[in-house]
Amino acid sequence: MIPEKKVIEIVRTVNPDQLHVWVREEWVRPAQSEAEPVYNEADVARVRLLDMLDNQLEVGREAIPIILSLIDQIHDMRAQMQVLSGVIEEQPEDVRLQVLKLALERCQ
């Protein structure tokens, strides 16, 4: 886990006040240690994304939650696809080939 001060050092273009606003808006959701909020690698990546959207690209604040929601949905769907892929891989070859055939037919 990464303390807030270290996050500010890692993402140098973000100041503590901005980070606090993003946490208050729940655009970043750090865990709470006994002393302070702590961030994981995904949180730091999200802070970098927010920095790019808010500071560099100057995306309107009303659009940021929409963008974050879409990105979260993509990540969730990717995780679900990985689970599905794993389940398909565990099937006998004839079942895998049938699934592939059906998928290709429906994609055309």
PDB file of N, CA and C in Angstrom:
ATOM      1  N   MET A   1       0.835  -1.189   0.000  1.00  0.00           N
ATOM      2  CA  MET A   1       0.000   0.000   0.000  1.00  0.00           C
ATOM      3  C   MET A   1       0.880   1.253   0.000  1.00  0.00           C
ATOM      4  N   ILE A   2       0.392   2.258  -0.660  1.00  0.00           N
ATOM      5  CA  ILE A   2       1.182   3.467  -0.904  1.00  0.00           C
ATOM      6  C   ILE A   2       0.550   4.635  -0.136  1.00  0.00           C
ATOM      7  N   PRO A   3       1.319   5.293   0.712  1.00  0.00           N
ATOM      8  CA  PRO A   3       0.763   6.446   1.433  1.00  0.00           C
ATOM      9  C   PRO A   3       0.522   7.633   0.492  1.00  0.00           C
ATOM     10  N   GLU A   4      -0.349   8.513   0.904  1.00  0.00           N
ATOM     11  CA  GLU A   4      -0.720   9.668   0.090  1.00  0.00           C
ATOM     12  C   GLU A   4       0.481  10.501  -0.341  1.00  0.00           C
ATOM     13  N   LYS A   5       1.388  10.736   0.559  1.00  0.00           N
ATOM     14  CA  LYS A   5       2.565  11.551   0.237  1.00  0.00           C
ATOM     15  C   LYS A   5       3.348  10.934  -0.923  1.00  0.00           C
ATOM     16  N   LYS A   6       3.456   9.614  -0.934  1.00  0.00           N
ATOM     17  CA  LYS A   6       4.186   8.926  -1.996  1.00  0.00           C
ATOM     18  C   LYS A   6       3.433   9.038  -3.324  1.00  0.00           C
ATOM     19  N   VAL A   7       2.106   8.992  -3.280  1.00  0.00           N
ATOM     20  CA  VAL A   7       1.308   9.149  -4.502  1.00  0.00           C
ATOM     21  C   VAL A   7       1.595  10.509  -5.127  1.00  0.00           C
ATOM     22  N   ILE A   8       1.650  11.533  -4.302  1.00  0.00           N
ATOM     23  CA  ILE A   8       1.947  12.892  -4.774  1.00  0.00           C
ATOM     24  C   ILE A   8       3.350  12.942  -5.381  1.00  0.00           C
ATOM     25  N   GLU A   9       4.292  12.214  -4.804  1.00  0.00           N
ATOM     26  CA  GLU A   9       5.650  12.150  -5.360  1.00  0.00           C
ATOM     27  C   GLU A   9       5.654  11.409  -6.692  1.00  0.00           C
ATOM     28  N   ILE A  10       4.869  10.352  -6.796  1.00  0.00           N
ATOM     29  CA  ILE A  10       4.827   9.552  -8.025  1.00  0.00           C
ATOM     30  C   ILE A  10       4.177  10.331  -9.164  1.00  0.00           C
ATOM     31  N   VAL A  11       3.051  10.968  -8.871  1.00  0.00           N
ATOM     32  CA  VAL A  11       2.327  11.751  -9.881  1.00  0.00           C
ATOM     33  C   VAL A  11       2.590  13.217  -9.562  1.00  0.00           C
ATOM     34  N   ARG A  12       3.691  13.696 -10.022  1.00  0.00           N
ATOM     35  CA  ARG A  12       4.219  15.001  -9.606  1.00  0.00           C
ATOM     36  C   ARG A  12       3.334  16.185  -9.986  1.00  0.00           C
ATOM     37  N   THR A  13       2.500  16.011 -10.993  1.00  0.00           N
ATOM     38  CA  THR A  13       1.665  17.136 -11.431  1.00  0.00           C
ATOM     39  C   THR A  13       0.368  17.242 -10.649  1.00  0.00           C
ATOM     40  N   VAL A  14       0.158  16.353  -9.687  1.00  0.00           N
ATOM     41  CA  VAL A  14      -1.042  16.390  -8.848  1.00  0.00           C
ATOM     42  C   VAL A  14      -0.667  16.933  -7.475  1.00  0.00           C
ATOM     43  N   ASN A  15      -1.475  17.853  -6.971  1.00  0.00           N
ATOM     44  CA  ASN A  15      -1.205  18.379  -5.632  1.00  0.00           C
ATOM     45  C   ASN A  15      -2.186  17.746  -4.642  1.00  0.00           C
ATOM     46  N   PRO A  16      -1.891  17.829  -3.365  1.00  0.00           N
ATOM     47  CA  PRO A  16      -2.750  17.200  -2.356  1.00  0.00           C
ATOM     48  C   PRO A  16      -4.205  17.664  -2.404  1.00  0.00           C
ATOM     49  N   ASP A  17      -4.421  18.950  -2.679  1.00  0.00           N
ATOM     50  CA  ASP A  17      -5.801  19.451  -2.736  1.00  0.00           C
ATOM     51  C   ASP A  17      -6.594  18.775  -3.853  1.00  0.00           C
ATOM     52  N   GLN A  18      -5.975  18.625  -5.028  1.00  0.00           N
ATOM     53  CA  GLN A  18      -6.647  17.933  -6.138  1.00  0.00           C
ATOM     54  C   GLN A  18      -6.971  16.496  -5.761  1.00  0.00           C
ATOM     55  N   LEU A  19      -5.995  15.829  -5.181  1.00  0.00           N
ATOM     56  CA  LEU A  19      -6.189  14.439  -4.790  1.00  0.00           C
ATOM     57  C   LEU A  19      -7.349  14.319  -3.802  1.00  0.00           C
ATOM     58  N   HIS A  20      -7.417  15.233  -2.860  1.00  0.00           N
ATOM     59  CA  HIS A  20      -8.501  15.204  -1.871  1.00  0.00           C
ATOM     60  C   HIS A  20      -9.861  15.417  -2.530  1.00  0.00           C
ATOM     61  N   VAL A  21      -9.921  16.295  -3.525  1.00  0.00           N
ATOM     62  CA  VAL A  21     -11.174  16.508  -4.257  1.00  0.00           C
ATOM     63  C   VAL A  21     -11.581  15.217  -4.968  1.00  0.00           C
ATOM     64  N   TRP A  22     -10.632  14.561  -5.626  1.00  0.00           N
ATOM     65  CA  TRP A  22     -10.930  13.332  -6.363  1.00  0.00           C
ATOM     66  C   TRP A  22     -11.393  12.228  -5.415  1.00  0.00           C
ATOM     67  N   VAL A  23     -10.811  12.193  -4.217  1.00  0.00           N
ATOM     68  CA  VAL A  23     -11.244  11.201  -3.221  1.00  0.00           C
ATOM     69  C   VAL A  23     -12.643  11.560  -2.731  1.00  0.00           C
ATOM     70  N   ARG A  24     -12.884  12.825  -2.464  1.00  0.00           N
ATOM     71  CA  ARG A  24     -14.197  13.271  -2.002  1.00  0.00           C
ATOM     72  C   ARG A  24     -15.279  12.973  -3.051  1.00  0.00           C
ATOM     73  N   GLU A  25     -14.933  13.130  -4.318  1.00  0.00           N
ATOM     74  CA  GLU A  25     -15.868  12.821  -5.410  1.00  0.00           C
ATOM     75  C   GLU A  25     -16.012  11.311  -5.623  1.00  0.00           C
ATOM     76  N   GLU A  26     -15.167  10.540  -4.929  1.00  0.00           N
ATOM     77  CA  GLU A  26     -15.104   9.074  -5.040  1.00  0.00           C
ATOM     78  C   GLU A  26     -14.641   8.619  -6.417  1.00  0.00           C
ATOM     79  N   TRP A  27     -13.835   9.451  -7.060  1.00  0.00           N
ATOM     80  CA  TRP A  27     -13.224   9.069  -8.329  1.00  0.00           C
ATOM     81  C   TRP A  27     -12.007   8.180  -8.067  1.00  0.00           C
ATOM     82  N   VAL A  28     -11.447   8.320  -6.882  1.00  0.00           N
ATOM     83  CA  VAL A  28     -10.389   7.437  -6.379  1.00  0.00           C
ATOM     84  C   VAL A  28     -10.854   6.998  -4.994  1.00  0.00           C
ATOM     85  N   ARG A  29     -10.693   5.707  -4.702  1.00  0.00           N
ATOM     86  CA  ARG A  29     -11.183   5.175  -3.416  1.00  0.00           C
ATOM     87  C   ARG A  29     -10.054   4.463  -2.676  1.00  0.00           C
ATOM     88  N   PRO A  30      -9.203   5.232  -2.005  1.00  0.00           N
ATOM     89  CA  PRO A  30      -8.123   4.587  -1.255  1.00  0.00           C
ATOM     90  C   PRO A  30      -8.667   3.843  -0.033  1.00  0.00           C
ATOM     91  N   ALA A  31      -7.890   2.888   0.419  1.00  0.00           N
ATOM     92  CA  ALA A  31      -8.218   2.219   1.680  1.00  0.00           C
ATOM     93  C   ALA A  31      -7.809   3.159   2.811  1.00  0.00           C
ATOM     94  N   GLN A  32      -8.325   2.918   3.977  1.00  0.00           N
ATOM     95  CA  GLN A  32      -7.985   3.758   5.127  1.00  0.00           C
ATOM     96  C   GLN A  32      -7.157   2.941   6.113  1.00  0.00           C
ATOM     97  N   SER A  33      -5.921   3.364   6.330  1.00  0.00           N
ATOM     98  CA  SER A  33      -5.115   2.747   7.381  1.00  0.00           C
ATOM     99  C   SER A  33      -5.443   3.463   8.685  1.00  0.00           C
ATOM    100  N   GLU A  34      -4.808   3.063   9.753  1.00  0.00           N
ATOM    101  CA  GLU A  34      -5.055   3.732  11.035  1.00  0.00           C
ATOM    102  C   GLU A  34      -4.677   5.206  10.986  1.00  0.00           C
ATOM    103  N   ALA A  35      -3.642   5.523  10.215  1.00  0.00           N
ATOM    104  CA  ALA A  35      -3.129   6.885  10.206  1.00  0.00           C
ATOM    105  C   ALA A  35      -3.634   7.735   9.040  1.00  0.00           C
ATOM    106  N   GLU A  36      -3.800   7.118   7.869  1.00  0.00           N
ATOM    107  CA  GLU A  36      -4.091   7.921   6.678  1.00  0.00           C
ATOM    108  C   GLU A  36      -4.633   7.033   5.559  1.00  0.00           C
ATOM    109  N   PRO A  37      -5.135   7.673   4.494  1.00  0.00           N
ATOM    110  CA  PRO A  37      -5.536   6.883   3.331  1.00  0.00           C
ATOM    111  C   PRO A  37      -4.294   6.238   2.695  1.00  0.00           C
ATOM    112  N   VAL A  38      -4.468   5.032   2.197  1.00  0.00           N
ATOM    113  CA  VAL A  38      -3.387   4.348   1.477  1.00  0.00           C
ATOM    114  C   VAL A  38      -3.924   3.872   0.140  1.00  0.00           C
ATOM    115  N   TYR A  39      -3.068   3.887  -0.849  1.00  0.00           N
ATOM    116  CA  TYR A  39      -3.446   3.633  -2.224  1.00  0.00           C
ATOM    117  C   TYR A  39      -2.758   2.370  -2.729  1.00  0.00           C
ATOM    118  N   ASN A  40      -3.432   1.651  -3.634  1.00  0.00           N
ATOM    119  CA  ASN A  40      -2.786   0.527  -4.290  1.00  0.00           C
ATOM    120  C   ASN A  40      -2.360   0.964  -5.695  1.00  0.00           C
ATOM    121  N   GLU A  41      -1.762   0.054  -6.438  1.00  0.00           N
ATOM    122  CA  GLU A  41      -1.269   0.403  -7.779  1.00  0.00           C
ATOM    123  C   GLU A  41      -2.406   0.844  -8.703  1.00  0.00           C
ATOM    124  N   ALA A  42      -3.568   0.204  -8.588  1.00  0.00           N
ATOM    125  CA  ALA A  42      -4.710   0.596  -9.423  1.00  0.00           C
ATOM    126  C   ALA A  42      -5.156   2.019  -9.089  1.00  0.00           C
ATOM    127  N   ASP A  43      -5.122   2.374  -7.812  1.00  0.00           N
ATOM    128  CA  ASP A  43      -5.467   3.738  -7.410  1.00  0.00           C
ATOM    129  C   ASP A  43      -4.500   4.752  -8.021  1.00  0.00           C
ATOM    130  N   VAL A  44      -3.214   4.425  -7.992  1.00  0.00           N
ATOM    131  CA  VAL A  44      -2.205   5.330  -8.562  1.00  0.00           C
ATOM    132  C   VAL A  44      -2.428   5.479 -10.063  1.00  0.00           C
ATOM    133  N   ALA A  45      -2.758   4.380 -10.741  1.00  0.00           N
ATOM    134  CA  ALA A  45      -3.052   4.458 -12.176  1.00  0.00           C
ATOM    135  C   ALA A  45      -4.259   5.352 -12.426  1.00  0.00           C
ATOM    136  N   ARG A  46      -5.247   5.258 -11.555  1.00  0.00           N
ATOM    137  CA  ARG A  46      -6.444   6.093 -11.693  1.00  0.00           C
ATOM    138  C   ARG A  46      -6.098   7.559 -11.441  1.00  0.00           C
ATOM    139  N   VAL A  47      -5.228   7.831 -10.475  1.00  0.00           N
ATOM    140  CA  VAL A  47      -4.783   9.211 -10.233  1.00  0.00           C
ATOM    141  C   VAL A  47      -4.078   9.751 -11.476  1.00  0.00           C
ATOM    142  N   ARG A  48      -3.258   8.925 -12.104  1.00  0.00           N
ATOM    143  CA  ARG A  48      -2.590   9.349 -13.348  1.00  0.00           C
ATOM    144  C   ARG A  48      -3.626   9.661 -14.436  1.00  0.00           C
ATOM    145  N   LEU A  49      -4.633   8.800 -14.555  1.00  0.00           N
ATOM    146  CA  LEU A  49      -5.689   9.028 -15.540  1.00  0.00           C
ATOM    147  C   LEU A  49      -6.430  10.329 -15.227  1.00  0.00           C
ATOM    148  N   LEU A  50      -6.785  10.523 -13.972  1.00  0.00           N
ATOM    149  CA  LEU A  50      -7.477  11.751 -13.589  1.00  0.00           C
ATOM    150  C   LEU A  50      -6.619  12.982 -13.861  1.00  0.00           C
ATOM    151  N   ASP A  51      -5.340  12.876 -13.605  1.00  0.00           N
ATOM    152  CA  ASP A  51      -4.423  13.974 -13.904  1.00  0.00           C
ATOM    153  C   ASP A  51      -4.471  14.299 -15.386  1.00  0.00           C
ATOM    154  N   MET A  52      -4.434  13.266 -16.215  1.00  0.00           N
ATOM    155  CA  MET A  52      -4.472  13.487 -17.658  1.00  0.00           C
ATOM    156  C   MET A  52      -5.803  14.122 -18.070  1.00  0.00           C
ATOM    157  N   LEU A  53      -6.909  13.583 -17.568  1.00  0.00           N
ATOM    158  CA  LEU A  53      -8.220  14.102 -17.950  1.00  0.00           C
ATOM    159  C   LEU A  53      -8.466  15.513 -17.436  1.00  0.00           C
ATOM    160  N   ASP A  54      -8.169  15.727 -16.173  1.00  0.00           N
ATOM    161  CA  ASP A  54      -8.515  16.994 -15.519  1.00  0.00           C
ATOM    162  C   ASP A  54      -7.493  18.087 -15.803  1.00  0.00           C
ATOM    163  N   ASN A  55      -6.226  17.759 -15.733  1.00  0.00           N
ATOM    164  CA  ASN A  55      -5.184  18.785 -15.839  1.00  0.00           C
ATOM    165  C   ASN A  55      -4.629  18.951 -17.246  1.00  0.00           C
ATOM    166  N   GLN A  56      -4.388  17.853 -17.930  1.00  0.00           N
ATOM    167  CA  GLN A  56      -3.742  17.955 -19.240  1.00  0.00           C
ATOM    168  C   GLN A  56      -4.746  18.144 -20.371  1.00  0.00           C
ATOM    169  N   LEU A  57      -5.796  17.333 -20.386  1.00  0.00           N
ATOM    170  CA  LEU A  57      -6.791  17.425 -21.459  1.00  0.00           C
ATOM    171  C   LEU A  57      -7.911  18.400 -21.141  1.00  0.00           C
ATOM    172  N   GLU A  58      -7.993  18.801 -19.882  1.00  0.00           N
ATOM    173  CA  GLU A  58      -9.008  19.741 -19.408  1.00  0.00           C
ATOM    174  C   GLU A  58     -10.421  19.296 -19.787  1.00  0.00           C
ATOM    175  N   VAL A  59     -10.676  18.002 -19.590  1.00  0.00           N
ATOM    176  CA  VAL A  59     -12.010  17.458 -19.795  1.00  0.00           C
ATOM    177  C   VAL A  59     -12.928  18.097 -18.756  1.00  0.00           C
ATOM    178  N   GLY A  60     -14.111  18.416 -19.139  1.00  0.00           N
ATOM    179  CA  GLY A  60     -15.060  19.022 -18.201  1.00  0.00           C
ATOM    180  C   GLY A  60     -15.339  18.105 -17.019  1.00  0.00           C
ATOM    181  N   ARG A  61     -15.465  18.679 -15.853  1.00  0.00           N
ATOM    182  CA  ARG A  61     -15.668  17.891 -14.624  1.00  0.00           C
ATOM    183  C   ARG A  61     -16.925  17.029 -14.690  1.00  0.00           C
ATOM    184  N   GLU A  62     -17.931  17.493 -15.418  1.00  0.00           N
ATOM    185  CA  GLU A  62     -19.153  16.698 -15.524  1.00  0.00           C
ATOM    186  C   GLU A  62     -18.954  15.449 -16.374  1.00  0.00           C
ATOM    187  N   ALA A  63     -17.950  15.448 -17.237  1.00  0.00           N
ATOM    188  CA  ALA A  63     -17.689  14.288 -18.094  1.00  0.00           C
ATOM    189  C   ALA A  63     -16.821  13.232 -17.405  1.00  0.00           C
ATOM    190  N   ILE A  64     -16.057  13.632 -16.406  1.00  0.00           N
ATOM    191  CA  ILE A  64     -15.115  12.703 -15.781  1.00  0.00           C
ATOM    192  C   ILE A  64     -15.804  11.481 -15.177  1.00  0.00           C
ATOM    193  N   PRO A  65     -16.889  11.627 -14.405  1.00  0.00           N
ATOM    194  CA  PRO A  65     -17.520  10.416 -13.872  1.00  0.00           C
ATOM    195  C   PRO A  65     -18.040   9.484 -14.966  1.00  0.00           C
ATOM    196  N   ILE A  66     -18.471  10.048 -16.079  1.00  0.00           N
ATOM    197  CA  ILE A  66     -18.951   9.222 -17.192  1.00  0.00           C
ATOM    198  C   ILE A  66     -17.788   8.434 -17.785  1.00  0.00           C
ATOM    199  N   ILE A  67     -16.673   9.097 -17.996  1.00  0.00           N
ATOM    200  CA  ILE A  67     -15.486   8.432 -18.538  1.00  0.00           C
ATOM    201  C   ILE A  67     -15.007   7.340 -17.587  1.00  0.00           C
ATOM    202  N   LEU A  68     -14.953   7.651 -16.297  1.00  0.00           N
ATOM    203  CA  LEU A  68     -14.518   6.657 -15.312  1.00  0.00           C
ATOM    204  C   LEU A  68     -15.451   5.460 -15.278  1.00  0.00           C
ATOM    205  N   SER A  69     -16.746   5.710 -15.368  1.00  0.00           N
ATOM    206  CA  SER A  69     -17.719   4.623 -15.368  1.00  0.00           C
ATOM    207  C   SER A  69     -17.525   3.713 -16.587  1.00  0.00           C
ATOM    208  N   LEU A  70     -17.311   4.316 -17.744  1.00  0.00           N
ATOM    209  CA  LEU A  70     -17.082   3.517 -18.960  1.00  0.00           C
ATOM    210  C   LEU A  70     -15.804   2.695 -18.854  1.00  0.00           C
ATOM    211  N   ILE A  71     -14.756   3.289 -18.318  1.00  0.00           N
ATOM    212  CA  ILE A  71     -13.502   2.558 -18.141  1.00  0.00           C
ATOM    213  C   ILE A  71     -13.696   1.410 -17.157  1.00  0.00           C
ATOM    214  N   ASP A  72     -14.414   1.660 -16.072  1.00  0.00           N
ATOM    215  CA  ASP A  72     -14.691   0.590 -15.096  1.00  0.00           C
ATOM    216  C   ASP A  72     -15.482  -0.543 -15.741  1.00  0.00           C
ATOM    217  N   GLN A  73     -16.458  -0.199 -16.578  1.00  0.00           N
ATOM    218  CA  GLN A  73     -17.241  -1.226 -17.263  1.00  0.00           C
ATOM    219  C   GLN A  73     -16.365  -2.058 -18.197  1.00  0.00           C
ATOM    220  N   ILE A  74     -15.459  -1.407 -18.893  1.00  0.00           N
ATOM    221  CA  ILE A  74     -14.545  -2.136 -19.785  1.00  0.00           C
ATOM    222  C   ILE A  74     -13.670  -3.086 -18.981  1.00  0.00           C
ATOM    223  N   HIS A  75     -13.150  -2.638 -17.861  1.00  0.00           N
ATOM    224  CA  HIS A  75     -12.311  -3.504 -17.017  1.00  0.00           C
ATOM    225  C   HIS A  75     -13.118  -4.692 -16.486  1.00  0.00           C
ATOM    226  N   ASP A  76     -14.350  -4.435 -16.075  1.00  0.00           N
ATOM    227  CA  ASP A  76     -15.206  -5.527 -15.583  1.00  0.00           C
ATOM    228  C   ASP A  76     -15.491  -6.536 -16.684  1.00  0.00           C
ATOM    229  N   MET A  77     -15.809  -6.030 -17.880  1.00  0.00           N
ATOM    230  CA  MET A  77     -16.096  -6.941 -18.990  1.00  0.00           C
ATOM    231  C   MET A  77     -14.855  -7.747 -19.368  1.00  0.00           C
ATOM    232  N   ARG A  78     -13.704  -7.119 -19.307  1.00  0.00           N
ATOM    233  CA  ARG A  78     -12.454  -7.829 -19.598  1.00  0.00           C
ATOM    234  C   ARG A  78     -12.231  -8.957 -18.598  1.00  0.00           C
ATOM    235  N   ALA A  79     -12.475  -8.688 -17.331  1.00  0.00           N
ATOM    236  CA  ALA A  79     -12.322  -9.719 -16.305  1.00  0.00           C
ATOM    237  C   ALA A  79     -13.315 -10.860 -16.532  1.00  0.00           C
ATOM    238  N   GLN A  80     -14.533 -10.518 -16.895  1.00  0.00           N
ATOM    239  CA  GLN A  80     -15.534 -11.544 -17.173  1.00  0.00           C
ATOM    240  C   GLN A  80     -15.147 -12.380 -18.392  1.00  0.00           C
ATOM    241  N   MET A  81     -14.603 -11.726 -19.404  1.00  0.00           N
ATOM    242  CA  MET A  81     -14.163 -12.452 -20.601  1.00  0.00           C
ATOM    243  C   MET A  81     -13.007 -13.402 -20.279  1.00  0.00           C
ATOM    244  N   GLN A  82     -12.112 -12.991 -19.382  1.00  0.00           N
ATOM    245  CA  GLN A  82     -11.018 -13.868 -18.979  1.00  0.00           C
ATOM    246  C   GLN A  82     -11.544 -15.096 -18.249  1.00  0.00           C
ATOM    247  N   VAL A  83     -12.551 -14.921 -17.403  1.00  0.00           N
ATOM    248  CA  VAL A  83     -13.158 -16.061 -16.712  1.00  0.00           C
ATOM    249  C   VAL A  83     -13.810 -16.989 -17.736  1.00  0.00           C
ATOM    250  N   LEU A  84     -14.584 -16.416 -18.637  1.00  0.00           N
ATOM    251  CA  LEU A  84     -15.247 -17.213 -19.663  1.00  0.00           C
ATOM    252  C   LEU A  84     -14.233 -17.958 -20.529  1.00  0.00           C
ATOM    253  N   SER A  85     -13.177 -17.276 -20.904  1.00  0.00           N
ATOM    254  CA  SER A  85     -12.122 -17.910 -21.703  1.00  0.00           C
ATOM    255  C   SER A  85     -11.499 -19.085 -20.957  1.00  0.00           C
ATOM    256  N   GLY A  86     -11.275 -18.906 -19.675  1.00  0.00           N
ATOM    257  CA  GLY A  86     -10.713 -19.982 -18.861  1.00  0.00           C
ATOM    258  C   GLY A  86     -11.639 -21.181 -18.782  1.00  0.00           C
ATOM    259  N   VAL A  87     -12.922 -20.916 -18.642  1.00  0.00           N
ATOM    260  CA  VAL A  87     -13.908 -22.000 -18.589  1.00  0.00           C
ATOM    261  C   VAL A  87     -13.935 -22.740 -19.924  1.00  0.00           C
ATOM    262  N   ILE A  88     -13.906 -22.008 -21.019  1.00  0.00           N
ATOM    263  CA  ILE A  88     -13.912 -22.642 -22.343  1.00  0.00           C
ATOM    264  C   ILE A  88     -12.652 -23.483 -22.538  1.00  0.00           C
ATOM    265  N   GLU A  89     -11.513 -22.962 -22.108  1.00  0.00           N
ATOM    266  CA  GLU A  89     -10.251 -23.704 -22.236  1.00  0.00           C
ATOM    267  C   GLU A  89     -10.269 -25.029 -21.476  1.00  0.00           C
ATOM    268  N   GLU A  90     -11.049 -25.109 -20.422  1.00  0.00           N
ATOM    269  CA  GLU A  90     -11.136 -26.329 -19.619  1.00  0.00           C
ATOM    270  C   GLU A  90     -12.020 -27.398 -20.262  1.00  0.00           C
ATOM    271  N   GLN A  91     -12.737 -27.032 -21.313  1.00  0.00           N
ATOM    272  CA  GLN A  91     -13.657 -27.965 -21.960  1.00  0.00           C
ATOM    273  C   GLN A  91     -12.903 -28.886 -22.921  1.00  0.00           C
ATOM    274  N   PRO A  92     -13.505 -30.026 -23.227  1.00  0.00           N
ATOM    275  CA  PRO A  92     -12.897 -30.925 -24.225  1.00  0.00           C
ATOM    276  C   PRO A  92     -12.765 -30.204 -25.569  1.00  0.00           C
ATOM    277  N   GLU A  93     -11.846 -30.662 -26.380  1.00  0.00           N
ATOM    278  CA  GLU A  93     -11.551 -29.999 -27.649  1.00  0.00           C
ATOM    279  C   GLU A  93     -12.777 -29.878 -28.546  1.00  0.00           C
ATOM    280  N   ASP A  94     -13.607 -30.910 -28.601  1.00  0.00           N
ATOM    281  CA  ASP A  94     -14.781 -30.840 -29.478  1.00  0.00           C
ATOM    282  C   ASP A  94     -15.749 -29.737 -29.021  1.00  0.00           C
ATOM    283  N   VAL A  95     -15.867 -29.548 -27.726  1.00  0.00           N
ATOM    284  CA  VAL A  95     -16.725 -28.478 -27.204  1.00  0.00           C
ATOM    285  C   VAL A  95     -16.109 -27.117 -27.525  1.00  0.00           C
ATOM    286  N   ARG A  96     -14.797 -26.982 -27.344  1.00  0.00           N
ATOM    287  CA  ARG A  96     -14.121 -25.714 -27.659  1.00  0.00           C
ATOM    288  C   ARG A  96     -14.305 -25.355 -29.130  1.00  0.00           C
ATOM    289  N   LEU A  97     -14.157 -26.343 -30.010  1.00  0.00           N
ATOM    290  CA  LEU A  97     -14.315 -26.093 -31.443  1.00  0.00           C
ATOM    291  C   LEU A  97     -15.752 -25.695 -31.781  1.00  0.00           C
ATOM    292  N   GLN A  98     -16.716 -26.327 -31.137  1.00  0.00           N
ATOM    293  CA  GLN A  98     -18.118 -25.983 -31.363  1.00  0.00           C
ATOM    294  C   GLN A  98     -18.407 -24.558 -30.895  1.00  0.00           C
ATOM    295  N   VAL A  99     -17.891 -24.184 -29.743  1.00  0.00           N
ATOM    296  CA  VAL A  99     -18.069 -22.810 -29.240  1.00  0.00           C
ATOM    297  C   VAL A  99     -17.445 -21.815 -30.208  1.00  0.00           C
ATOM    298  N   LEU A 100     -16.240 -22.097 -30.686  1.00  0.00           N
ATOM    299  CA  LEU A 100     -15.568 -21.228 -31.635  1.00  0.00           C
ATOM    300  C   LEU A 100     -16.377 -21.084 -32.924  1.00  0.00           C
ATOM    301  N   LYS A 101     -16.865 -22.206 -33.426  1.00  0.00           N
ATOM    302  CA  LYS A 101     -17.678 -22.193 -34.653  1.00  0.00           C
ATOM    303  C   LYS A 101     -18.923 -21.323 -34.479  1.00  0.00           C
ATOM    304  N   LEU A 102     -19.630 -21.520 -33.377  1.00  0.00           N
ATOM    305  CA  LEU A 102     -20.838 -20.733 -33.121  1.00  0.00           C
ATOM    306  C   LEU A 102     -20.517 -19.247 -32.963  1.00  0.00           C
ATOM    307  N   ALA A 103     -19.432 -18.952 -32.279  1.00  0.00           N
ATOM    308  CA  ALA A 103     -19.048 -17.549 -32.085  1.00  0.00           C
ATOM    309  C   ALA A 103     -18.720 -16.883 -33.423  1.00  0.00           C
ATOM    310  N   LEU A 104     -17.981 -17.588 -34.264  1.00  0.00           N
ATOM    311  CA  LEU A 104     -17.635 -17.026 -35.573  1.00  0.00           C
ATOM    312  C   LEU A 104     -18.879 -16.813 -36.428  1.00  0.00           C
ATOM    313  N   GLU A 105     -19.829 -17.739 -36.373  1.00  0.00           N
ATOM    314  CA  GLU A 105     -21.070 -17.594 -37.144  1.00  0.00           C
ATOM    315  C   GLU A 105     -21.854 -16.367 -36.691  1.00  0.00           C
ATOM    316  N   ARG A 106     -21.894 -16.131 -35.392  1.00  0.00           N
ATOM    317  CA  ARG A 106     -22.701 -15.026 -34.859  1.00  0.00           C
ATOM    318  C   ARG A 106     -22.020 -13.664 -35.032  1.00  0.00           C
ATOM    319  N   CYS A 107     -20.713 -13.694 -35.252  1.00  0.00           N
ATOM    320  CA  CYS A 107     -19.979 -12.428 -35.443  1.00  0.00           C
ATOM    321  C   CYS A 107     -20.047 -11.930 -36.885  1.00  0.00           C
ATOM    322  N   GLN A 108     -20.544 -12.750 -37.783  1.00  0.00           N
ATOM    323  CA  GLN A 108     -20.583 -12.349 -39.197  1.00  0.00           C
ATOM    324  C   GLN A 108     -21.819 -11.595 -39.526  1.00  0.00           C
TER     325      GLN A 108
END
